[in-house]
Amino acid sequence: MKNKPLIFTGIGIFLLLILAYFGGSKYYDSRFLPNTTMGDTELSGVTVAEAKRVVTQELHANTVTVTEDGETVTTFTPFDLGAKVDSDAFLTKVKDEQNSWA
């Protein structure tokens, strides 16, 4: 019976690991898994709505510069040309394909 505390400690650690696993899986059930990127944009741990905001901000930050003979003719963003971003369906599909329980 000298092993009783050791057995209870082992069971306690096992239950704690199970709880941590389920907690992590539940957390990532509505968020992108670690190491998820879209191009150079890091999406790890964010929701689809947050990811859409980040992707839209990244696109707004991109600029196109037209130069001729070394002189800048014009600079614009894709949104200046009327470009629209509908990333909801894509981001939702990618999130749904991820398995938070794996």
C-alpha atoms as a PDB file:
ATOM      1  CA  MET A   1       0.000   0.000   0.000  1.00  0.00           C
ATOM      2  CA  LYS A   2       3.032   2.295  -0.155  1.00  0.00           C
ATOM      3  CA  ASN A   3       2.241   2.942  -3.829  1.00  0.00           C
ATOM      4  CA  LYS A   4      -1.203   4.461  -3.119  1.00  0.00           C
ATOM      5  CA  PRO A   5      -0.002   8.117  -3.193  1.00  0.00           C
ATOM      6  CA  LEU A   6       1.949   7.401  -6.368  1.00  0.00           C
ATOM      7  CA  ILE A   7      -1.123   5.903  -8.047  1.00  0.00           C
ATOM      8  CA  PHE A   8      -3.306   8.882  -7.045  1.00  0.00           C
ATOM      9  CA  THR A   9      -0.641  11.307  -8.302  1.00  0.00           C
ATOM     10  CA  GLY A  10      -0.480   9.461 -11.633  1.00  0.00           C
ATOM     11  CA  ILE A  11      -4.267   9.497 -11.982  1.00  0.00           C
ATOM     12  CA  GLY A  12      -4.333  13.199 -11.087  1.00  0.00           C
ATOM     13  CA  ILE A  13      -1.724  14.060 -13.704  1.00  0.00           C
ATOM     14  CA  PHE A  14      -3.562  11.977 -16.310  1.00  0.00           C
ATOM     15  CA  LEU A  15      -6.869  13.747 -15.554  1.00  0.00           C
ATOM     16  CA  LEU A  16      -5.131  17.130 -15.697  1.00  0.00           C
ATOM     17  CA  LEU A  17      -3.697  16.295 -19.136  1.00  0.00           C
ATOM     18  CA  ILE A  18      -7.133  15.173 -20.357  1.00  0.00           C
ATOM     19  CA  LEU A  19      -8.665  18.421 -19.079  1.00  0.00           C
ATOM     20  CA  ALA A  20      -5.953  20.495 -20.804  1.00  0.00           C
ATOM     21  CA  TYR A  21      -6.488  18.615 -24.079  1.00  0.00           C
ATOM     22  CA  PHE A  22     -10.250  19.161 -24.044  1.00  0.00           C
ATOM     23  CA  GLY A  23      -9.810  22.797 -23.033  1.00  0.00           C
ATOM     24  CA  GLY A  24      -7.378  23.439 -25.882  1.00  0.00           C
ATOM     25  CA  SER A  25      -9.606  21.658 -28.369  1.00  0.00           C
ATOM     26  CA  LYS A  26     -12.616  23.694 -27.264  1.00  0.00           C
ATOM     27  CA  TYR A  27     -10.603  26.944 -27.511  1.00  0.00           C
ATOM     28  CA  TYR A  28      -9.487  26.165 -31.074  1.00  0.00           C
ATOM     29  CA  ASP A  29     -12.967  24.998 -32.063  1.00  0.00           C
ATOM     30  CA  SER A  30     -13.792  28.610 -33.038  1.00  0.00           C
ATOM     31  CA  ARG A  31     -10.257  29.796 -33.849  1.00  0.00           C
ATOM     32  CA  PHE A  32      -7.561  29.028 -36.386  1.00  0.00           C
ATOM     33  CA  LEU A  33      -4.996  26.481 -35.254  1.00  0.00           C
ATOM     34  CA  PRO A  34      -1.389  27.488 -34.479  1.00  0.00           C
ATOM     35  CA  ASN A  35       0.906  28.112 -37.460  1.00  0.00           C
ATOM     36  CA  THR A  36      -1.993  29.115 -39.736  1.00  0.00           C
ATOM     37  CA  THR A  37      -1.017  31.771 -42.262  1.00  0.00           C
ATOM     38  CA  MET A  38      -2.544  33.292 -45.367  1.00  0.00           C
ATOM     39  CA  GLY A  39       0.340  34.515 -47.465  1.00  0.00           C
ATOM     40  CA  ASP A  40       2.470  36.479 -45.010  1.00  0.00           C
ATOM     41  CA  THR A  41      -0.476  37.163 -42.691  1.00  0.00           C
ATOM     42  CA  GLU A  42      -0.460  35.262 -39.394  1.00  0.00           C
ATOM     43  CA  LEU A  43      -3.914  33.917 -38.470  1.00  0.00           C
ATOM     44  CA  SER A  44      -3.019  31.620 -35.564  1.00  0.00           C
ATOM     45  CA  GLY A  45      -5.504  31.782 -32.703  1.00  0.00           C
ATOM     46  CA  VAL A  46      -7.904  34.290 -34.274  1.00  0.00           C
ATOM     47  CA  THR A  47     -11.563  33.855 -35.168  1.00  0.00           C
ATOM     48  CA  VAL A  48     -12.889  34.062 -38.731  1.00  0.00           C
ATOM     49  CA  ALA A  49     -14.190  37.591 -38.095  1.00  0.00           C
ATOM     50  CA  GLU A  50     -10.818  38.737 -36.738  1.00  0.00           C
ATOM     51  CA  ALA A  51      -9.055  37.039 -39.671  1.00  0.00           C
ATOM     52  CA  LYS A  52     -11.258  38.899 -42.154  1.00  0.00           C
ATOM     53  CA  ARG A  53     -10.394  42.202 -40.467  1.00  0.00           C
ATOM     54  CA  VAL A  54      -6.660  41.398 -40.539  1.00  0.00           C
ATOM     55  CA  VAL A  55      -6.730  40.294 -44.195  1.00  0.00           C
ATOM     56  CA  THR A  56      -8.665  43.429 -45.195  1.00  0.00           C
ATOM     57  CA  GLN A  57      -6.172  45.648 -43.334  1.00  0.00           C
ATOM     58  CA  GLU A  58      -3.284  43.906 -45.072  1.00  0.00           C
ATOM     59  CA  LEU A  59      -4.881  44.534 -48.469  1.00  0.00           C
ATOM     60  CA  HIS A  60      -5.483  48.195 -47.613  1.00  0.00           C
ATOM     61  CA  ALA A  61      -1.800  48.500 -46.699  1.00  0.00           C
ATOM     62  CA  ASN A  62      -0.665  47.241 -50.119  1.00  0.00           C
ATOM     63  CA  THR A  63       0.141  49.937 -52.634  1.00  0.00           C
ATOM     64  CA  VAL A  64       0.989  49.812 -56.308  1.00  0.00           C
ATOM     65  CA  THR A  65       3.420  52.387 -57.644  1.00  0.00           C
ATOM     66  CA  VAL A  66       3.654  53.099 -61.361  1.00  0.00           C
ATOM     67  CA  THR A  67       7.009  54.517 -62.429  1.00  0.00           C
ATOM     68  CA  GLU A  68       8.319  55.721 -65.753  1.00  0.00           C
ATOM     69  CA  ASP A  69      11.961  56.545 -66.351  1.00  0.00           C
ATOM     70  CA  GLY A  70      12.599  56.368 -62.613  1.00  0.00           C
ATOM     71  CA  GLU A  71       9.871  58.885 -61.756  1.00  0.00           C
ATOM     72  CA  THR A  72       6.703  57.955 -59.913  1.00  0.00           C
ATOM     73  CA  VAL A  73       3.676  58.455 -62.138  1.00  0.00           C
ATOM     74  CA  THR A  74       1.011  57.376 -59.680  1.00  0.00           C
ATOM     75  CA  THR A  75       0.454  55.332 -56.546  1.00  0.00           C
ATOM     76  CA  PHE A  76      -2.776  53.569 -55.645  1.00  0.00           C
ATOM     77  CA  THR A  77      -4.239  50.733 -53.604  1.00  0.00           C
ATOM     78  CA  PRO A  78      -6.366  47.889 -54.973  1.00  0.00           C
ATOM     79  CA  PHE A  79      -9.361  49.451 -53.216  1.00  0.00           C
ATOM     80  CA  ASP A  80      -8.842  52.718 -55.143  1.00  0.00           C
ATOM     81  CA  LEU A  81      -9.659  50.658 -58.238  1.00  0.00           C
ATOM     82  CA  GLY A  82     -12.848  49.329 -56.659  1.00  0.00           C
ATOM     83  CA  ALA A  83     -11.451  45.952 -55.651  1.00  0.00           C
ATOM     84  CA  LYS A  84     -13.569  44.133 -53.112  1.00  0.00           C
ATOM     85  CA  VAL A  85     -12.534  41.375 -50.767  1.00  0.00           C
ATOM     86  CA  ASP A  86     -15.013  38.618 -49.958  1.00  0.00           C
ATOM     87  CA  SER A  87     -12.867  36.434 -47.775  1.00  0.00           C
ATOM     88  CA  ASP A  88     -15.709  35.206 -45.527  1.00  0.00           C
ATOM     89  CA  ALA A  89     -16.447  32.059 -47.533  1.00  0.00           C
ATOM     90  CA  PHE A  90     -12.768  31.201 -48.010  1.00  0.00           C
ATOM     91  CA  LEU A  91     -11.779  31.796 -44.377  1.00  0.00           C
ATOM     92  CA  THR A  92     -14.828  29.889 -43.100  1.00  0.00           C
ATOM     93  CA  LYS A  93     -14.017  26.951 -45.388  1.00  0.00           C
ATOM     94  CA  VAL A  94     -10.391  26.856 -44.247  1.00  0.00           C
ATOM     95  CA  LYS A  95     -11.439  27.064 -40.577  1.00  0.00           C
ATOM     96  CA  ASP A  96     -14.012  24.285 -41.020  1.00  0.00           C
ATOM     97  CA  GLU A  97     -11.384  22.022 -42.617  1.00  0.00           C
ATOM     98  CA  GLN A  98      -9.162  22.313 -39.560  1.00  0.00           C
ATOM     99  CA  ASN A  99      -9.626  19.648 -36.881  1.00  0.00           C
ATOM    100  CA  SER A 100      -9.230  21.124 -33.403  1.00  0.00           C
ATOM    101  CA  TRP A 101      -9.406  17.637 -31.868  1.00  0.00           C
ATOM    102  CA  ALA A 102      -6.446  16.261 -33.822  1.00  0.00           C
END
